Amino acid sequence: MSKDADGNFTVLCTVCKTPFKVYPPGLEYVRIIQQPCTRGDSIATDRTCPACDTQNTIIWDIEHK
């Protein structure tokens, strides 16, 4: 996963490994994590891979200080 200059992220499909762009659900969601955080403020979104149609779950989180 990498963050683009425009604030979007490129992730790899969990099945075919094709890269595709995902967009955060809000400006405060600045990172993608593997499991929801313990603070309970993560948001999970499902995105379909454009190459193989696999549903990928993206878990977004805010920056905790």
PDB file of N, CA and C in Angstrom:
ATOM      1  N   MET A   1       0.845  -1.157   0.000  1.00  0.00           N
ATOM      2  CA  MET A   1       0.000   0.000   0.000  1.00  0.00           C
ATOM      3  C   MET A   1       0.893   1.224   0.000  1.00  0.00           C
ATOM      4  N   SER A   2       0.526   2.196  -0.804  1.00  0.00           N
ATOM      5  CA  SER A   2       1.263   3.452  -0.820  1.00  0.00           C
ATOM      6  C   SER A   2       0.291   4.609  -0.960  1.00  0.00           C
ATOM      7  N   LYS A   3       0.670   5.727  -0.353  1.00  0.00           N
ATOM      8  CA  LYS A   3      -0.173   6.925  -0.400  1.00  0.00           C
ATOM      9  C   LYS A   3       0.303   7.808  -1.545  1.00  0.00           C
ATOM     10  N   ASP A   4      -0.636   8.240  -2.383  1.00  0.00           N
ATOM     11  CA  ASP A   4      -0.323   9.110  -3.500  1.00  0.00           C
ATOM     12  C   ASP A   4      -0.257  10.563  -3.039  1.00  0.00           C
ATOM     13  N   ALA A   5       0.305  11.411  -3.871  1.00  0.00           N
ATOM     14  CA  ALA A   5       0.413  12.835  -3.549  1.00  0.00           C
ATOM     15  C   ALA A   5      -0.961  13.487  -3.389  1.00  0.00           C
ATOM     16  N   ASP A   6      -1.984  12.924  -4.032  1.00  0.00           N
ATOM     17  CA  ASP A   6      -3.326  13.497  -3.947  1.00  0.00           C
ATOM     18  C   ASP A   6      -4.129  12.972  -2.761  1.00  0.00           C
ATOM     19  N   GLY A   7      -3.498  12.177  -1.880  1.00  0.00           N
ATOM     20  CA  GLY A   7      -4.167  11.691  -0.674  1.00  0.00           C
ATOM     21  C   GLY A   7      -4.876  10.363  -0.828  1.00  0.00           C
ATOM     22  N   ASN A   8      -4.837   9.783  -2.010  1.00  0.00           N
ATOM     23  CA  ASN A   8      -5.426   8.469  -2.234  1.00  0.00           C
ATOM     24  C   ASN A   8      -4.364   7.403  -2.023  1.00  0.00           C
ATOM     25  N   PHE A   9      -4.791   6.157  -1.963  1.00  0.00           N
ATOM     26  CA  PHE A   9      -3.873   5.063  -1.702  1.00  0.00           C
ATOM     27  C   PHE A   9      -3.931   4.046  -2.827  1.00  0.00           C
ATOM     28  N   THR A  10      -2.811   3.408  -3.094  1.00  0.00           N
ATOM     29  CA  THR A  10      -2.765   2.285  -4.020  1.00  0.00           C
ATOM     30  C   THR A  10      -2.551   1.038  -3.175  1.00  0.00           C
ATOM     31  N   VAL A  11      -3.453   0.068  -3.319  1.00  0.00           N
ATOM     32  CA  VAL A  11      -3.369  -1.190  -2.584  1.00  0.00           C
ATOM     33  C   VAL A  11      -3.263  -2.341  -3.577  1.00  0.00           C
ATOM     34  N   LEU A  12      -2.883  -3.507  -3.085  1.00  0.00           N
ATOM     35  CA  LEU A  12      -2.818  -4.704  -3.915  1.00  0.00           C
ATOM     36  C   LEU A  12      -3.992  -5.607  -3.587  1.00  0.00           C
ATOM     37  N   CYS A  13      -4.603  -6.172  -4.611  1.00  0.00           N
ATOM     38  CA  CYS A  13      -5.678  -7.132  -4.411  1.00  0.00           C
ATOM     39  C   CYS A  13      -5.155  -8.303  -3.591  1.00  0.00           C
ATOM     40  N   THR A  14      -5.958  -8.793  -2.674  1.00  0.00           N
ATOM     41  CA  THR A  14      -5.541  -9.900  -1.811  1.00  0.00           C
ATOM     42  C   THR A  14      -5.438 -11.218  -2.569  1.00  0.00           C
ATOM     43  N   VAL A  15      -6.032 -11.311  -3.743  1.00  0.00           N
ATOM     44  CA  VAL A  15      -5.995 -12.559  -4.519  1.00  0.00           C
ATOM     45  C   VAL A  15      -5.009 -12.473  -5.685  1.00  0.00           C
ATOM     46  N   CYS A  16      -5.222 -11.525  -6.589  1.00  0.00           N
ATOM     47  CA  CYS A  16      -4.404 -11.486  -7.810  1.00  0.00           C
ATOM     48  C   CYS A  16      -3.224 -10.518  -7.731  1.00  0.00           C
ATOM     49  N   LYS A  17      -3.166  -9.723  -6.669  1.00  0.00           N
ATOM     50  CA  LYS A  17      -2.072  -8.765  -6.412  1.00  0.00           C
ATOM     51  C   LYS A  17      -2.028  -7.598  -7.395  1.00  0.00           C
ATOM     52  N   THR A  18      -3.099  -7.362  -8.122  1.00  0.00           N
ATOM     53  CA  THR A  18      -3.173  -6.207  -9.011  1.00  0.00           C
ATOM     54  C   THR A  18      -3.300  -4.933  -8.178  1.00  0.00           C
ATOM     55  N   PRO A  19      -2.507  -3.899  -8.477  1.00  0.00           N
ATOM     56  CA  PRO A  19      -2.654  -2.632  -7.750  1.00  0.00           C
ATOM     57  C   PRO A  19      -3.880  -1.865  -8.246  1.00  0.00           C
ATOM     58  N   PHE A  20      -4.573  -1.218  -7.299  1.00  0.00           N
ATOM     59  CA  PHE A  20      -5.679  -0.340  -7.662  1.00  0.00           C
ATOM     60  C   PHE A  20      -5.835   0.737  -6.606  1.00  0.00           C
ATOM     61  N   LYS A  21      -6.442   1.858  -7.004  1.00  0.00           N
ATOM     62  CA  LYS A  21      -6.590   3.008  -6.101  1.00  0.00           C
ATOM     63  C   LYS A  21      -7.818   2.866  -5.231  1.00  0.00           C
ATOM     64  N   VAL A  22      -7.674   3.305  -3.985  1.00  0.00           N
ATOM     65  CA  VAL A  22      -8.801   3.400  -3.059  1.00  0.00           C
ATOM     66  C   VAL A  22      -8.789   4.809  -2.475  1.00  0.00           C
ATOM     67  N   TYR A  23      -9.963   5.253  -2.080  1.00  0.00           N
ATOM     68  CA  TYR A  23     -10.131   6.615  -1.607  1.00  0.00           C
ATOM     69  C   TYR A  23     -10.615   6.601  -0.165  1.00  0.00           C
ATOM     70  N   PRO A  24      -9.993   7.384   0.720  1.00  0.00           N
ATOM     71  CA  PRO A  24     -10.390   7.393   2.125  1.00  0.00           C
ATOM     72  C   PRO A  24     -11.840   7.843   2.296  1.00  0.00           C
ATOM     73  N   PRO A  25     -12.515   7.344   3.342  1.00  0.00           N
ATOM     74  CA  PRO A  25     -13.904   7.723   3.578  1.00  0.00           C
ATOM     75  C   PRO A  25     -14.064   9.146   4.121  1.00  0.00           C
ATOM     76  N   GLY A  26     -12.967   9.790   4.478  1.00  0.00           N
ATOM     77  CA  GLY A  26     -12.987  11.157   4.986  1.00  0.00           C
ATOM     78  C   GLY A  26     -11.565  11.661   5.136  1.00  0.00           C
ATOM     79  N   LEU A  27     -11.408  12.963   5.247  1.00  0.00           N
ATOM     80  CA  LEU A  27     -10.069  13.559   5.324  1.00  0.00           C
ATOM     81  C   LEU A  27      -9.276  13.092   6.537  1.00  0.00           C
ATOM     82  N   GLU A  28      -9.959  12.769   7.639  1.00  0.00           N
ATOM     83  CA  GLU A  28      -9.251  12.365   8.856  1.00  0.00           C
ATOM     84  C   GLU A  28      -8.713  10.929   8.790  1.00  0.00           C
ATOM     85  N   TYR A  29      -9.178  10.149   7.837  1.00  0.00           N
ATOM     86  CA  TYR A  29      -8.714   8.763   7.694  1.00  0.00           C
ATOM     87  C   TYR A  29      -7.491   8.753   6.798  1.00  0.00           C
ATOM     88  N   VAL A  30      -6.315   8.638   7.438  1.00  0.00           N
ATOM     89  CA  VAL A  30      -5.046   8.858   6.744  1.00  0.00           C
ATOM     90  C   VAL A  30      -4.175   7.615   6.640  1.00  0.00           C
ATOM     91  N   ARG A  31      -4.662   6.482   7.150  1.00  0.00           N
ATOM     92  CA  ARG A  31      -3.856   5.270   7.041  1.00  0.00           C
ATOM     93  C   ARG A  31      -4.748   4.044   6.932  1.00  0.00           C
ATOM     94  N   ILE A  32      -4.162   2.999   6.355  1.00  0.00           N
ATOM     95  CA  ILE A  32      -4.833   1.708   6.213  1.00  0.00           C
ATOM     96  C   ILE A  32      -4.132   0.734   7.150  1.00  0.00           C
ATOM     97  N   ILE A  33      -4.932  -0.018   7.907  1.00  0.00           N
ATOM     98  CA  ILE A  33      -4.381  -0.990   8.855  1.00  0.00           C
ATOM     99  C   ILE A  33      -4.980  -2.361   8.585  1.00  0.00           C
ATOM    100  N   GLN A  34      -4.380  -3.404   9.169  1.00  0.00           N
ATOM    101  CA  GLN A  34      -4.835  -4.772   8.913  1.00  0.00           C
ATOM    102  C   GLN A  34      -6.003  -5.198   9.794  1.00  0.00           C
ATOM    103  N   GLN A  35      -6.065  -4.677  11.011  1.00  0.00           N
ATOM    104  CA  GLN A  35      -7.136  -4.999  11.953  1.00  0.00           C
ATOM    105  C   GLN A  35      -7.683  -3.689  12.519  1.00  0.00           C
ATOM    106  N   PRO A  36      -8.976  -3.627  12.841  1.00  0.00           N
ATOM    107  CA  PRO A  36      -9.507  -2.402  13.454  1.00  0.00           C
ATOM    108  C   PRO A  36      -8.740  -2.050  14.734  1.00  0.00           C
ATOM    109  N   CYS A  37      -8.535  -0.771  14.962  1.00  0.00           N
ATOM    110  CA  CYS A  37      -7.773  -0.360  16.148  1.00  0.00           C
ATOM    111  C   CYS A  37      -8.630  -0.503  17.411  1.00  0.00           C
ATOM    112  N   THR A  38      -7.966  -0.530  18.542  1.00  0.00           N
ATOM    113  CA  THR A  38      -8.638  -0.744  19.823  1.00  0.00           C
ATOM    114  C   THR A  38      -9.460   0.463  20.268  1.00  0.00           C
ATOM    115  N   ARG A  39      -9.253   1.618  19.664  1.00  0.00           N
ATOM    116  CA  ARG A  39     -10.034   2.809  20.019  1.00  0.00           C
ATOM    117  C   ARG A  39     -11.439   2.780  19.429  1.00  0.00           C
ATOM    118  N   GLY A  40     -11.651   1.892  18.472  1.00  0.00           N
ATOM    119  CA  GLY A  40     -12.976   1.737  17.892  1.00  0.00           C
ATOM    120  C   GLY A  40     -13.367   2.791  16.868  1.00  0.00           C
ATOM    121  N   ASP A  41     -12.394   3.506  16.324  1.00  0.00           N
ATOM    122  CA  ASP A  41     -12.724   4.553  15.359  1.00  0.00           C
ATOM    123  C   ASP A  41     -12.330   4.204  13.922  1.00  0.00           C
ATOM    124  N   SER A  42     -12.018   2.960  13.675  1.00  0.00           N
ATOM    125  CA  SER A  42     -11.682   2.514  12.326  1.00  0.00           C
ATOM    126  C   SER A  42     -12.958   2.340  11.501  1.00  0.00           C
ATOM    127  N   ILE A  43     -12.809   2.474  10.193  1.00  0.00           N
ATOM    128  CA  ILE A  43     -13.920   2.255   9.270  1.00  0.00           C
ATOM    129  C   ILE A  43     -13.474   1.232   8.230  1.00  0.00           C
ATOM    130  N   ALA A  44     -14.272   0.196   8.037  1.00  0.00           N
ATOM    131  CA  ALA A  44     -13.989  -0.814   7.013  1.00  0.00           C
ATOM    132  C   ALA A  44     -14.828  -0.520   5.778  1.00  0.00           C
ATOM    133  N   THR A  45     -14.179  -0.542   4.617  1.00  0.00           N
ATOM    134  CA  THR A  45     -14.881  -0.380   3.349  1.00  0.00           C
ATOM    135  C   THR A  45     -14.524  -1.559   2.451  1.00  0.00           C
ATOM    136  N   ASP A  46     -15.446  -1.962   1.616  1.00  0.00           N
ATOM    137  CA  ASP A  46     -15.193  -3.035   0.659  1.00  0.00           C
ATOM    138  C   ASP A  46     -14.995  -2.426  -0.718  1.00  0.00           C
ATOM    139  N   ARG A  47     -13.928  -2.852  -1.382  1.00  0.00           N
ATOM    140  CA  ARG A  47     -13.636  -2.395  -2.735  1.00  0.00           C
ATOM    141  C   ARG A  47     -13.387  -3.613  -3.615  1.00  0.00           C
ATOM    142  N   THR A  48     -13.917  -3.570  -4.812  1.00  0.00           N
ATOM    143  CA  THR A  48     -13.783  -4.672  -5.750  1.00  0.00           C
ATOM    144  C   THR A  48     -12.555  -4.469  -6.627  1.00  0.00           C
ATOM    145  N   CYS A  49     -11.756  -5.509  -6.749  1.00  0.00           N
ATOM    146  CA  CYS A  49     -10.583  -5.460  -7.618  1.00  0.00           C
ATOM    147  C   CYS A  49     -11.051  -5.320  -9.070  1.00  0.00           C
ATOM    148  N   PRO A  50     -10.489  -4.372  -9.803  1.00  0.00           N
ATOM    149  CA  PRO A  50     -10.904  -4.198 -11.196  1.00  0.00           C
ATOM    150  C   PRO A  50     -10.443  -5.327 -12.121  1.00  0.00           C
ATOM    151  N   ALA A  51      -9.463  -6.110 -11.673  1.00  0.00           N
ATOM    152  CA  ALA A  51      -8.933  -7.175 -12.529  1.00  0.00           C
ATOM    153  C   ALA A  51      -9.640  -8.514 -12.336  1.00  0.00           C
ATOM    154  N   CYS A  52      -9.944  -8.869 -11.071  1.00  0.00           N
ATOM    155  CA  CYS A  52     -10.491 -10.212 -10.820  1.00  0.00           C
ATOM    156  C   CYS A  52     -11.832 -10.201 -10.093  1.00  0.00           C
ATOM    157  N   ASP A  53     -12.370  -9.028  -9.797  1.00  0.00           N
ATOM    158  CA  ASP A  53     -13.673  -8.861  -9.123  1.00  0.00           C
ATOM    159  C   ASP A  53     -13.722  -9.393  -7.694  1.00  0.00           C
ATOM    160  N   THR A  54     -12.572  -9.585  -7.055  1.00  0.00           N
ATOM    161  CA  THR A  54     -12.540 -10.000  -5.654  1.00  0.00           C
ATOM    162  C   THR A  54     -12.888  -8.817  -4.764  1.00  0.00           C
ATOM    163  N   GLN A  55     -13.719  -9.052  -3.770  1.00  0.00           N
ATOM    164  CA  GLN A  55     -14.063  -8.021  -2.794  1.00  0.00           C
ATOM    165  C   GLN A  55     -12.921  -7.910  -1.784  1.00  0.00           C
ATOM    166  N   ASN A  56     -12.299  -6.757  -1.671  1.00  0.00           N
ATOM    167  CA  ASN A  56     -11.206  -6.500  -0.742  1.00  0.00           C
ATOM    168  C   ASN A  56     -11.708  -5.575   0.357  1.00  0.00           C
ATOM    169  N   THR A  57     -11.477  -5.940   1.618  1.00  0.00           N
ATOM    170  CA  THR A  57     -11.857  -5.085   2.737  1.00  0.00           C
ATOM    171  C   THR A  57     -10.680  -4.195   3.109  1.00  0.00           C
ATOM    172  N   ILE A  58     -10.923  -2.903   3.101  1.00  0.00           N
ATOM    173  CA  ILE A  58      -9.912  -1.908   3.457  1.00  0.00           C
ATOM    174  C   ILE A  58     -10.324  -1.324   4.805  1.00  0.00           C
ATOM    175  N   ILE A  59      -9.414  -1.366   5.787  1.00  0.00           N
ATOM    176  CA  ILE A  59      -9.704  -0.822   7.112  1.00  0.00           C
ATOM    177  C   ILE A  59      -8.938   0.489   7.267  1.00  0.00           C
ATOM    178  N   TRP A  60      -9.691   1.553   7.373  1.00  0.00           N
ATOM    179  CA  TRP A  60      -9.142   2.908   7.489  1.00  0.00           C
ATOM    180  C   TRP A  60      -9.083   3.324   8.949  1.00  0.00           C
ATOM    181  N   ASP A  61      -8.064   4.127   9.271  1.00  0.00           N
ATOM    182  CA  ASP A  61      -7.935   4.624  10.632  1.00  0.00           C
ATOM    183  C   ASP A  61      -7.406   6.051  10.607  1.00  0.00           C
ATOM    184  N   ILE A  62      -7.670   6.755  11.704  1.00  0.00           N
ATOM    185  CA  ILE A  62      -7.153   8.116  11.846  1.00  0.00           C
ATOM    186  C   ILE A  62      -5.785   8.047  12.513  1.00  0.00           C
ATOM    187  N   GLU A  63      -5.050   9.132  12.452  1.00  0.00           N
ATOM    188  CA  GLU A  63      -3.738   9.210  13.088  1.00  0.00           C
ATOM    189  C   GLU A  63      -3.948   9.476  14.578  1.00  0.00           C
ATOM    190  N   HIS A  64      -3.454   8.587  15.421  1.00  0.00           N
ATOM    191  CA  HIS A  64      -3.565   8.771  16.880  1.00  0.00           C
ATOM    192  C   HIS A  64      -2.287   9.384  17.416  1.00  0.00           C
ATOM    193  N   LYS A  65      -2.466  10.354  18.272  1.00  0.00           N
ATOM    194  CA  LYS A  65      -1.286  11.030  18.850  1.00  0.00           C
ATOM    195  C   LYS A  65      -1.171  10.740  20.321  1.00  0.00           C
TER     196      LYS A  65
END
